[in-house]
PDB file of N, CA and C in Angstrom:
ATOM      1  N   MET A   1     -89.151 101.991 -74.630  1.00  0.00           N
ATOM      2  CA  MET A   1     -90.335 102.773 -74.904  1.00  0.00           C
ATOM      3  C   MET A   1     -89.941 103.992 -75.733  1.00  0.00           C
ATOM      4  N   LEU A   2     -90.748 104.326 -76.707  1.00  0.00           N
ATOM      5  CA  LEU A   2     -90.471 105.467 -77.564  1.00  0.00           C
ATOM      6  C   LEU A   2     -90.812 106.762 -76.859  1.00  0.00           C
ATOM      7  N   SER A   3     -89.928 107.738 -76.987  1.00  0.00           N
ATOM      8  CA  SER A   3     -90.229 109.057 -76.443  1.00  0.00           C
ATOM      9  C   SER A   3     -91.290 109.705 -77.325  1.00  0.00           C
ATOM     10  N   ALA A   4     -91.867 110.784 -76.845  1.00  0.00           N
ATOM     11  CA  ALA A   4     -92.898 111.477 -77.622  1.00  0.00           C
ATOM     12  C   ALA A   4     -92.352 111.929 -78.970  1.00  0.00           C
ATOM     13  N   ARG A   5     -91.113 112.443 -78.973  1.00  0.00           N
ATOM     14  CA  ARG A   5     -90.501 112.894 -80.232  1.00  0.00           C
ATOM     15  C   ARG A   5     -90.307 111.721 -81.181  1.00  0.00           C
ATOM     16  N   ARG A   6     -89.807 110.621 -80.668  1.00  0.00           N
ATOM     17  CA  ARG A   6     -89.577 109.448 -81.497  1.00  0.00           C
ATOM     18  C   ARG A   6     -90.900 108.895 -82.016  1.00  0.00           C
ATOM     19  N   LEU A   7     -91.927 108.912 -81.175  1.00  0.00           N
ATOM     20  CA  LEU A   7     -93.215 108.397 -81.581  1.00  0.00           C
ATOM     21  C   LEU A   7     -93.779 109.206 -82.739  1.00  0.00           C
ATOM     22  N   ARG A   8     -93.623 110.539 -82.678  1.00  0.00           N
ATOM     23  CA  ARG A   8     -94.106 111.396 -83.763  1.00  0.00           C
ATOM     24  C   ARG A   8     -93.379 111.107 -85.066  1.00  0.00           C
ATOM     25  N   HIS A   9     -92.114 110.709 -84.982  1.00  0.00           N
ATOM     26  CA  HIS A   9     -91.310 110.503 -86.180  1.00  0.00           C
ATOM     27  C   HIS A   9     -91.164 109.031 -86.548  1.00  0.00           C
ATOM     28  N   ALA A  10     -91.818 108.151 -85.819  1.00  0.00           N
ATOM     29  CA  ALA A  10     -91.668 106.719 -86.065  1.00  0.00           C
ATOM     30  C   ALA A  10     -92.133 106.322 -87.461  1.00  0.00           C
ATOM     31  N   ASP A  11     -93.050 107.084 -88.035  1.00  0.00           N
ATOM     32  CA  ASP A  11     -93.541 106.743 -89.359  1.00  0.00           C
ATOM     33  C   ASP A  11     -92.601 107.169 -90.476  1.00  0.00           C
ATOM     34  N   ARG A  12     -91.505 107.829 -90.162  1.00  0.00           N
ATOM     35  CA  ARG A  12     -90.560 108.297 -91.176  1.00  0.00           C
ATOM     36  C   ARG A  12     -89.670 107.192 -91.711  1.00  0.00           C
ATOM     37  N   ARG A  13     -89.483 106.136 -90.929  1.00  0.00           N
ATOM     38  CA  ARG A  13     -88.534 105.126 -91.349  1.00  0.00           C
ATOM     39  C   ARG A  13     -89.034 103.746 -90.946  1.00  0.00           C
ATOM     40  N   SER A  14     -88.631 102.796 -91.747  1.00  0.00           N
ATOM     41  CA  SER A  14     -89.003 101.426 -91.461  1.00  0.00           C
ATOM     42  C   SER A  14     -88.068 100.521 -92.241  1.00  0.00           C
ATOM     43  N   ARG A  15     -87.839  99.365 -91.719  1.00  0.00           N
ATOM     44  CA  ARG A  15     -87.048  98.384 -92.439  1.00  0.00           C
ATOM     45  C   ARG A  15     -87.763  97.053 -92.289  1.00  0.00           C
ATOM     46  N   THR A  16     -87.980  96.410 -93.385  1.00  0.00           N
ATOM     47  CA  THR A  16     -88.633  95.113 -93.396  1.00  0.00           C
ATOM     48  C   THR A  16     -87.718  94.154 -94.126  1.00  0.00           C
ATOM     49  N   GLY A  17     -87.593  92.962 -93.625  1.00  0.00           N
ATOM     50  CA  GLY A  17     -86.731  92.002 -94.293  1.00  0.00           C
ATOM     51  C   GLY A  17     -87.185  90.584 -94.064  1.00  0.00           C
ATOM     52  N   CYS A  18     -86.768  89.733 -94.958  1.00  0.00           N
ATOM     53  CA  CYS A  18     -87.001  88.302 -94.809  1.00  0.00           C
ATOM     54  C   CYS A  18     -85.932  87.582 -95.624  1.00  0.00           C
ATOM     55  N   GLN A  19     -85.804  86.303 -95.382  1.00  0.00           N
ATOM     56  CA  GLN A  19     -84.767  85.541 -96.063  1.00  0.00           C
ATOM     57  C   GLN A  19     -85.400  84.528 -96.996  1.00  0.00           C
ATOM     58  N   ASP A  20     -84.831  84.426 -98.188  1.00  0.00           N
ATOM     59  CA  ASP A  20     -85.217  83.398 -99.148  1.00  0.00           C
ATOM     60  C   ASP A  20     -84.381  82.171 -98.822  1.00  0.00           C
ATOM     61  N   GLY A  21     -84.994  81.178 -98.204  1.00  0.00           N
ATOM     62  CA  GLY A  21     -84.275  79.984 -97.777  1.00  0.00           C
ATOM     63  C   GLY A  21     -83.637  79.224 -98.924  1.00  0.00           C
ATOM     64  N   ALA A  22     -84.305  79.163-100.056  1.00  0.00           N
ATOM     65  CA  ALA A  22     -83.771  78.420-101.201  1.00  0.00           C
ATOM     66  C   ALA A  22     -82.561  79.114-101.806  1.00  0.00           C
ATOM     67  N   GLU A  23     -82.629  80.418-101.930  1.00  0.00           N
ATOM     68  CA  GLU A  23     -81.547  81.185-102.557  1.00  0.00           C
ATOM     69  C   GLU A  23     -80.486  81.625-101.553  1.00  0.00           C
ATOM     70  N   LYS A  24     -80.788  81.536-100.261  1.00  0.00           N
ATOM     71  CA  LYS A  24     -79.880  81.989 -99.197  1.00  0.00           C
ATOM     72  C   LYS A  24     -79.541  83.468 -99.354  1.00  0.00           C
ATOM     73  N   THR A  25     -80.539  84.247 -99.713  1.00  0.00           N
ATOM     74  CA  THR A  25     -80.364  85.687 -99.850  1.00  0.00           C
ATOM     75  C   THR A  25     -81.417  86.409 -99.012  1.00  0.00           C
ATOM     76  N   ALA A  26     -81.104  87.619 -98.626  1.00  0.00           N
ATOM     77  CA  ALA A  26     -82.036  88.420 -97.840  1.00  0.00           C
ATOM     78  C   ALA A  26     -82.763  89.394 -98.755  1.00  0.00           C
ATOM     79  N   LEU A  27     -84.038  89.477 -98.546  1.00  0.00           N
ATOM     80  CA  LEU A  27     -84.846  90.477 -99.228  1.00  0.00           C
ATOM     81  C   LEU A  27     -85.103  91.572 -98.216  1.00  0.00           C
ATOM     82  N   ARG A  28     -84.847  92.786 -98.573  1.00  0.00           N
ATOM     83  CA  ARG A  28     -85.128  93.871 -97.642  1.00  0.00           C
ATOM     84  C   ARG A  28     -85.750  95.028 -98.393  1.00  0.00           C
ATOM     85  N   ILE A  29     -86.546  95.743 -97.662  1.00  0.00           N
ATOM     86  CA  ILE A  29     -87.192  96.931 -98.204  1.00  0.00           C
ATOM     87  C   ILE A  29     -86.934  98.057 -97.224  1.00  0.00           C
ATOM     88  N   ASP A  30     -86.207  99.068 -97.652  1.00  0.00           N
ATOM     89  CA  ASP A  30     -85.951 100.242 -96.821  1.00  0.00           C
ATOM     90  C   ASP A  30     -86.941 101.324 -97.220  1.00  0.00           C
ATOM     91  N   LEU A  31     -87.654 101.812 -96.248  1.00  0.00           N
ATOM     92  CA  LEU A  31     -88.622 102.866 -96.504  1.00  0.00           C
ATOM     93  C   LEU A  31     -88.152 104.129 -95.797  1.00  0.00           C
ATOM     94  N   TRP A  32     -87.749 105.129 -96.575  1.00  0.00           N
ATOM     95  CA  TRP A  32     -87.254 106.387 -96.020  1.00  0.00           C
ATOM     96  C   TRP A  32     -88.078 107.513 -96.601  1.00  0.00           C
ATOM     97  N   THR A  33     -88.107 108.595 -95.905  1.00  0.00           N
ATOM     98  CA  THR A  33     -88.738 109.793 -96.455  1.00  0.00           C
ATOM     99  C   THR A  33     -87.674 110.858 -96.629  1.00  0.00           C
ATOM    100  N   LYS A  34     -87.961 111.817 -97.472  1.00  0.00           N
ATOM    101  CA  LYS A  34     -87.022 112.910 -97.714  1.00  0.00           C
ATOM    102  C   LYS A  34     -86.815 113.762 -96.476  1.00  0.00           C
ATOM    103  N   GLU A  35     -87.774 113.731 -95.556  1.00  0.00           N
ATOM    104  CA  GLU A  35     -87.680 114.547 -94.350  1.00  0.00           C
ATOM    105  C   GLU A  35     -86.730 113.960 -93.313  1.00  0.00           C
ATOM    106  N   MET A  36     -86.282 112.728 -93.496  1.00  0.00           N
ATOM    107  CA  MET A  36     -85.440 112.087 -92.494  1.00  0.00           C
ATOM    108  C   MET A  36     -84.070 112.760 -92.461  1.00  0.00           C
ATOM    109  N   MET A  37     -83.675 113.172 -91.270  1.00  0.00           N
ATOM    110  CA  MET A  37     -82.401 113.843 -91.085  1.00  0.00           C
ATOM    111  C   MET A  37     -81.284 112.804 -90.929  1.00  0.00           C
ATOM    112  N   ILE A  38     -80.041 113.225 -91.197  1.00  0.00           N
ATOM    113  CA  ILE A  38     -78.902 112.316 -91.085  1.00  0.00           C
ATOM    114  C   ILE A  38     -78.752 111.797 -89.665  1.00  0.00           C
ATOM    115  N   ASP A  39     -78.966 112.647 -88.661  1.00  0.00           N
ATOM    116  CA  ASP A  39     -78.835 112.177 -87.286  1.00  0.00           C
ATOM    117  C   ASP A  39     -79.895 111.123 -86.950  1.00  0.00           C
ATOM    118  N   GLU A  40     -81.082 111.261 -87.528  1.00  0.00           N
ATOM    119  CA  GLU A  40     -82.112 110.245 -87.331  1.00  0.00           C
ATOM    120  C   GLU A  40     -81.713 108.939 -87.998  1.00  0.00           C
ATOM    121  N   MET A  41     -81.125 109.031 -89.194  1.00  0.00           N
ATOM    122  CA  MET A  41     -80.680 107.830 -89.885  1.00  0.00           C
ATOM    123  C   MET A  41     -79.556 107.154 -89.110  1.00  0.00           C
ATOM    124  N   THR A  42     -78.641 107.957 -88.561  1.00  0.00           N
ATOM    125  CA  THR A  42     -77.550 107.410 -87.753  1.00  0.00           C
ATOM    126  C   THR A  42     -78.109 106.656 -86.556  1.00  0.00           C
ATOM    127  N   ASP A  43     -79.067 107.268 -85.862  1.00  0.00           N
ATOM    128  CA  ASP A  43     -79.698 106.599 -84.716  1.00  0.00           C
ATOM    129  C   ASP A  43     -80.360 105.295 -85.138  1.00  0.00           C
ATOM    130  N   PHE A  44     -81.080 105.346 -86.243  1.00  0.00           N
ATOM    131  CA  PHE A  44     -81.786 104.169 -86.733  1.00  0.00           C
ATOM    132  C   PHE A  44     -80.812 103.049 -87.087  1.00  0.00           C
ATOM    133  N   PHE A  45     -79.725 103.369 -87.769  1.00  0.00           N
ATOM    134  CA  PHE A  45     -78.732 102.354 -88.118  1.00  0.00           C
ATOM    135  C   PHE A  45     -78.082 101.776 -86.863  1.00  0.00           C
ATOM    136  N   TYR A  46     -77.748 102.641 -85.918  1.00  0.00           N
ATOM    137  CA  TYR A  46     -77.143 102.173 -84.668  1.00  0.00           C
ATOM    138  C   TYR A  46     -78.092 101.194 -83.966  1.00  0.00           C
ATOM    139  N   GLN A  47     -79.349 101.578 -83.834  1.00  0.00           N
ATOM    140  CA  GLN A  47     -80.323 100.708 -83.182  1.00  0.00           C
ATOM    141  C   GLN A  47     -80.490  99.390 -83.941  1.00  0.00           C
ATOM    142  N   THR A  48     -80.489  99.452 -85.262  1.00  0.00           N
ATOM    143  CA  THR A  48     -80.629  98.237 -86.078  1.00  0.00           C
ATOM    144  C   THR A  48     -79.431  97.316 -85.883  1.00  0.00           C
ATOM    145  N   LEU A  49     -78.218  97.881 -85.907  1.00  0.00           N
ATOM    146  CA  LEU A  49     -77.012  97.065 -85.713  1.00  0.00           C
ATOM    147  C   LEU A  49     -77.002  96.421 -84.331  1.00  0.00           C
ATOM    148  N   MET A  50     -77.395  97.180 -83.301  1.00  0.00           N
ATOM    149  CA  MET A  50     -77.421  96.626 -81.948  1.00  0.00           C
ATOM    150  C   MET A  50     -78.481  95.529 -81.823  1.00  0.00           C
ATOM    151  N   THR A  51     -79.622  95.721 -82.458  1.00  0.00           N
ATOM    152  CA  THR A  51     -80.680  94.715 -82.434  1.00  0.00           C
ATOM    153  C   THR A  51     -80.229  93.450 -83.162  1.00  0.00           C
ATOM    154  N   MET A  52     -79.531  93.626 -84.283  1.00  0.00           N
ATOM    155  CA  MET A  52     -79.000  92.467 -85.006  1.00  0.00           C
ATOM    156  C   MET A  52     -78.008  91.702 -84.141  1.00  0.00           C
ATOM    157  N   ALA A  53     -77.173  92.422 -83.412  1.00  0.00           N
ATOM    158  CA  ALA A  53     -76.200  91.768 -82.523  1.00  0.00           C
ATOM    159  C   ALA A  53     -76.928  90.982 -81.437  1.00  0.00           C
ATOM    160  N   ASP A  54     -77.965  91.577 -80.858  1.00  0.00           N
ATOM    161  CA  ASP A  54     -78.741  90.878 -79.825  1.00  0.00           C
ATOM    162  C   ASP A  54     -79.414  89.635 -80.384  1.00  0.00           C
ATOM    163  N   THR A  55     -79.963  89.734 -81.577  1.00  0.00           N
ATOM    164  CA  THR A  55     -80.608  88.584 -82.215  1.00  0.00           C
ATOM    165  C   THR A  55     -79.591  87.481 -82.478  1.00  0.00           C
ATOM    166  N   TYR A  56     -78.423  87.877 -82.978  1.00  0.00           N
ATOM    167  CA  TYR A  56     -77.359  86.906 -83.239  1.00  0.00           C
ATOM    168  C   TYR A  56     -76.918  86.234 -81.943  1.00  0.00           C
ATOM    169  N   ASP A  57     -76.843  87.012 -80.871  1.00  0.00           N
ATOM    170  CA  ASP A  57     -76.459  86.479 -79.564  1.00  0.00           C
ATOM    171  C   ASP A  57     -77.462  85.424 -79.095  1.00  0.00           C
ATOM    172  N   ARG A  58     -78.742  85.756 -79.166  1.00  0.00           N
ATOM    173  CA  ARG A  58     -79.765  84.800 -78.731  1.00  0.00           C
ATOM    174  C   ARG A  58     -79.731  83.515 -79.559  1.00  0.00           C
ATOM    175  N   ALA A  59     -79.420  83.645 -80.845  1.00  0.00           N
ATOM    176  CA  ALA A  59     -79.436  82.486 -81.736  1.00  0.00           C
ATOM    177  C   ALA A  59     -78.182  81.629 -81.612  1.00  0.00           C
ATOM    178  N   THR A  60     -77.024  82.254 -81.309  1.00  0.00           N
ATOM    179  CA  THR A  60     -75.761  81.515 -81.383  1.00  0.00           C
ATOM    180  C   THR A  60     -74.973  81.445 -80.084  1.00  0.00           C
ATOM    181  N   GLN A  61     -75.180  82.400 -79.197  1.00  0.00           N
ATOM    182  CA  GLN A  61     -74.385  82.554 -77.984  1.00  0.00           C
ATOM    183  C   GLN A  61     -72.889  82.710 -78.292  1.00  0.00           C
ATOM    184  N   HIS A  62     -72.557  83.266 -79.430  1.00  0.00           N
ATOM    185  CA  HIS A  62     -71.167  83.540 -79.817  1.00  0.00           C
ATOM    186  C   HIS A  62     -70.792  84.929 -79.318  1.00  0.00           C
ATOM    187  N   GLN A  63     -70.478  85.017 -78.018  1.00  0.00           N
ATOM    188  CA  GLN A  63     -70.250  86.296 -77.360  1.00  0.00           C
ATOM    189  C   GLN A  63     -69.153  87.136 -78.010  1.00  0.00           C
ATOM    190  N   GLU A  64     -68.075  86.507 -78.428  1.00  0.00           N
ATOM    191  CA  GLU A  64     -66.968  87.269 -79.014  1.00  0.00           C
ATOM    192  C   GLU A  64     -67.417  87.994 -80.279  1.00  0.00           C
ATOM    193  N   LEU A  65     -68.171  87.310 -81.123  1.00  0.00           N
ATOM    194  CA  LEU A  65     -68.653  87.940 -82.351  1.00  0.00           C
ATOM    195  C   LEU A  65     -69.704  89.007 -82.048  1.00  0.00           C
ATOM    196  N   VAL A  66     -70.537  88.743 -81.070  1.00  0.00           N
ATOM    197  CA  VAL A  66     -71.548  89.727 -80.677  1.00  0.00           C
ATOM    198  C   VAL A  66     -70.873  90.999 -80.187  1.00  0.00           C
ATOM    199  N   GLU A  67     -69.843  90.869 -79.383  1.00  0.00           N
ATOM    200  CA  GLU A  67     -69.123  92.039 -78.887  1.00  0.00           C
ATOM    201  C   GLU A  67     -68.474  92.807 -80.029  1.00  0.00           C
ATOM    202  N   GLU A  68     -67.961  92.103 -81.038  1.00  0.00           N
ATOM    203  CA  GLU A  68     -67.378  92.787 -82.203  1.00  0.00           C
ATOM    204  C   GLU A  68     -68.443  93.570 -82.956  1.00  0.00           C
ATOM    205  N   MET A  69     -69.625  92.976 -83.107  1.00  0.00           N
ATOM    206  CA  MET A  69     -70.715  93.665 -83.791  1.00  0.00           C
ATOM    207  C   MET A  69     -71.111  94.932 -83.030  1.00  0.00           C
ATOM    208  N   LYS A  70     -71.223  94.810 -81.707  1.00  0.00           N
ATOM    209  CA  LYS A  70     -71.614  95.963 -80.900  1.00  0.00           C
ATOM    210  C   LYS A  70     -70.526  97.028 -80.890  1.00  0.00           C
ATOM    211  N   LYS A  71     -69.277  96.611 -80.886  1.00  0.00           N
ATOM    212  CA  LYS A  71     -68.165  97.560 -80.950  1.00  0.00           C
ATOM    213  C   LYS A  71     -68.228  98.335 -82.260  1.00  0.00           C
ATOM    214  N   PHE A  72     -68.474  97.627 -83.366  1.00  0.00           N
ATOM    215  CA  PHE A  72     -68.600  98.294 -84.656  1.00  0.00           C
ATOM    216  C   PHE A  72     -69.761  99.294 -84.626  1.00  0.00           C
ATOM    217  N   ALA A  73     -70.893  98.890 -84.049  1.00  0.00           N
ATOM    218  CA  ALA A  73     -72.051  99.776 -83.979  1.00  0.00           C
ATOM    219  C   ALA A  73     -71.706 101.058 -83.226  1.00  0.00           C
ATOM    220  N   HIS A  74     -71.017 100.926 -82.100  1.00  0.00           N
ATOM    221  CA  HIS A  74     -70.610 102.098 -81.324  1.00  0.00           C
ATOM    222  C   HIS A  74     -69.653 102.974 -82.119  1.00  0.00           C
ATOM    223  N   GLU A  75     -68.662 102.372 -82.772  1.00  0.00           N
ATOM    224  CA  GLU A  75     -67.691 103.142 -83.562  1.00  0.00           C
ATOM    225  C   GLU A  75     -68.379 103.859 -84.714  1.00  0.00           C
ATOM    226  N   PHE A  76     -69.273 103.168 -85.384  1.00  0.00           N
ATOM    227  CA  PHE A  76     -70.029 103.759 -86.486  1.00  0.00           C
ATOM    228  C   PHE A  76     -70.807 104.980 -85.999  1.00  0.00           C
ATOM    229  N   TYR A  77     -71.487 104.814 -84.868  1.00  0.00           N
ATOM    230  CA  TYR A  77     -72.292 105.892 -84.313  1.00  0.00           C
ATOM    231  C   TYR A  77     -71.431 107.119 -84.004  1.00  0.00           C
ATOM    232  N   HIS A  78     -70.323 106.910 -83.314  1.00  0.00           N
ATOM    233  CA  HIS A  78     -69.473 108.031 -82.928  1.00  0.00           C
ATOM    234  C   HIS A  78     -68.797 108.680 -84.134  1.00  0.00           C
ATOM    235  N   LYS A  79     -68.353 107.893 -85.104  1.00  0.00           N
ATOM    236  CA  LYS A  79     -67.731 108.457 -86.308  1.00  0.00           C
ATOM    237  C   LYS A  79     -68.748 109.264 -87.114  1.00  0.00           C
ATOM    238  N   SER A  80     -69.965 108.764 -87.185  1.00  0.00           N
ATOM    239  CA  SER A  80     -71.002 109.488 -87.912  1.00  0.00           C
ATOM    240  C   SER A  80     -71.308 110.820 -87.237  1.00  0.00           C
ATOM    241  N   ARG A  81     -71.409 110.813 -85.917  1.00  0.00           N
ATOM    242  CA  ARG A  81     -71.664 112.049 -85.171  1.00  0.00           C
ATOM    243  C   ARG A  81     -70.525 113.044 -85.365  1.00  0.00           C
ATOM    244  N   GLU A  82     -69.278 112.561 -85.313  1.00  0.00           N
ATOM    245  CA  GLU A  82     -68.123 113.438 -85.520  1.00  0.00           C
ATOM    246  C   GLU A  82     -68.160 114.056 -86.911  1.00  0.00           C
ATOM    247  N   LYS A  83     -68.490 113.245 -87.907  1.00  0.00           N
ATOM    248  CA  LYS A  83     -68.553 113.738 -89.285  1.00  0.00           C
ATOM    249  C   LYS A  83     -69.634 114.812 -89.426  1.00  0.00           C
ATOM    250  N   GLN A  84     -70.767 114.587 -88.788  1.00  0.00           N
ATOM    251  CA  GLN A  84     -71.842 115.575 -88.824  1.00  0.00           C
ATOM    252  C   GLN A  84     -71.397 116.896 -88.206  1.00  0.00           C
ATOM    253  N   MET A  85     -70.716 116.812 -87.082  1.00  0.00           N
ATOM    254  CA  MET A  85     -70.253 118.025 -86.410  1.00  0.00           C
ATOM    255  C   MET A  85     -69.250 118.763 -87.283  1.00  0.00           C
ATOM    256  N   GLN A  86     -68.365 118.037 -87.950  1.00  0.00           N
ATOM    257  CA  GLN A  86     -67.386 118.672 -88.849  1.00  0.00           C
ATOM    258  C   GLN A  86     -68.103 119.343 -90.012  1.00  0.00           C
ATOM    259  N   GLU A  87     -69.082 118.672 -90.590  1.00  0.00           N
ATOM    260  CA  GLU A  87     -69.806 119.237 -91.716  1.00  0.00           C
ATOM    261  C   GLU A  87     -70.633 120.449 -91.311  1.00  0.00           C
ATOM    262  N   ASN A  88     -71.136 120.438 -90.092  1.00  0.00           N
ATOM    263  CA  ASN A  88     -71.941 121.566 -89.613  1.00  0.00           C
ATOM    264  C   ASN A  88     -71.066 122.802 -89.363  1.00  0.00           C
ATOM    265  N   LYS A  89     -69.772 122.597 -89.059  1.00  0.00           N
ATOM    266  CA  LYS A  89     -68.860 123.711 -88.846  1.00  0.00           C
ATOM    267  C   LYS A  89     -68.443 124.359 -90.153  1.00  0.00           C
ATOM    268  N   ALA A  90     -68.433 123.557 -91.218  1.00  0.00           N
ATOM    269  CA  ALA A  90     -67.961 124.058 -92.522  1.00  0.00           C
ATOM    270  C   ALA A  90     -68.927 124.999 -93.176  1.00  0.00           C
TER     271      ALA A  90
END
C-alpha cells in the first residue's frame, strides 16, 4: 500500500513497457519529471528491479538467478544511498 507521501508523488514517475515478439526487443517509455529527486529515483529503480525478480521467479522458478537479481538490487540501492550521502557532504 502506498503511504500518503508516496501517493502524492506517484504521478511523478511511471514506466511502461511491452515486448515486440517479432523483433524480440523491449519497447519502454520512461516518464520522469524534473521535480523527481535522486533518492526517489533510487527507490523507484530498486522497486522495479525487485518486481522484475519476482516476475522472473513466478515465470521460471529459477531461484538462483532470482536471488542474484535481488542481491544486485540491494547492492545498487545501498551504493546509491552511500553515493548520495558522500555528495551531500561535499
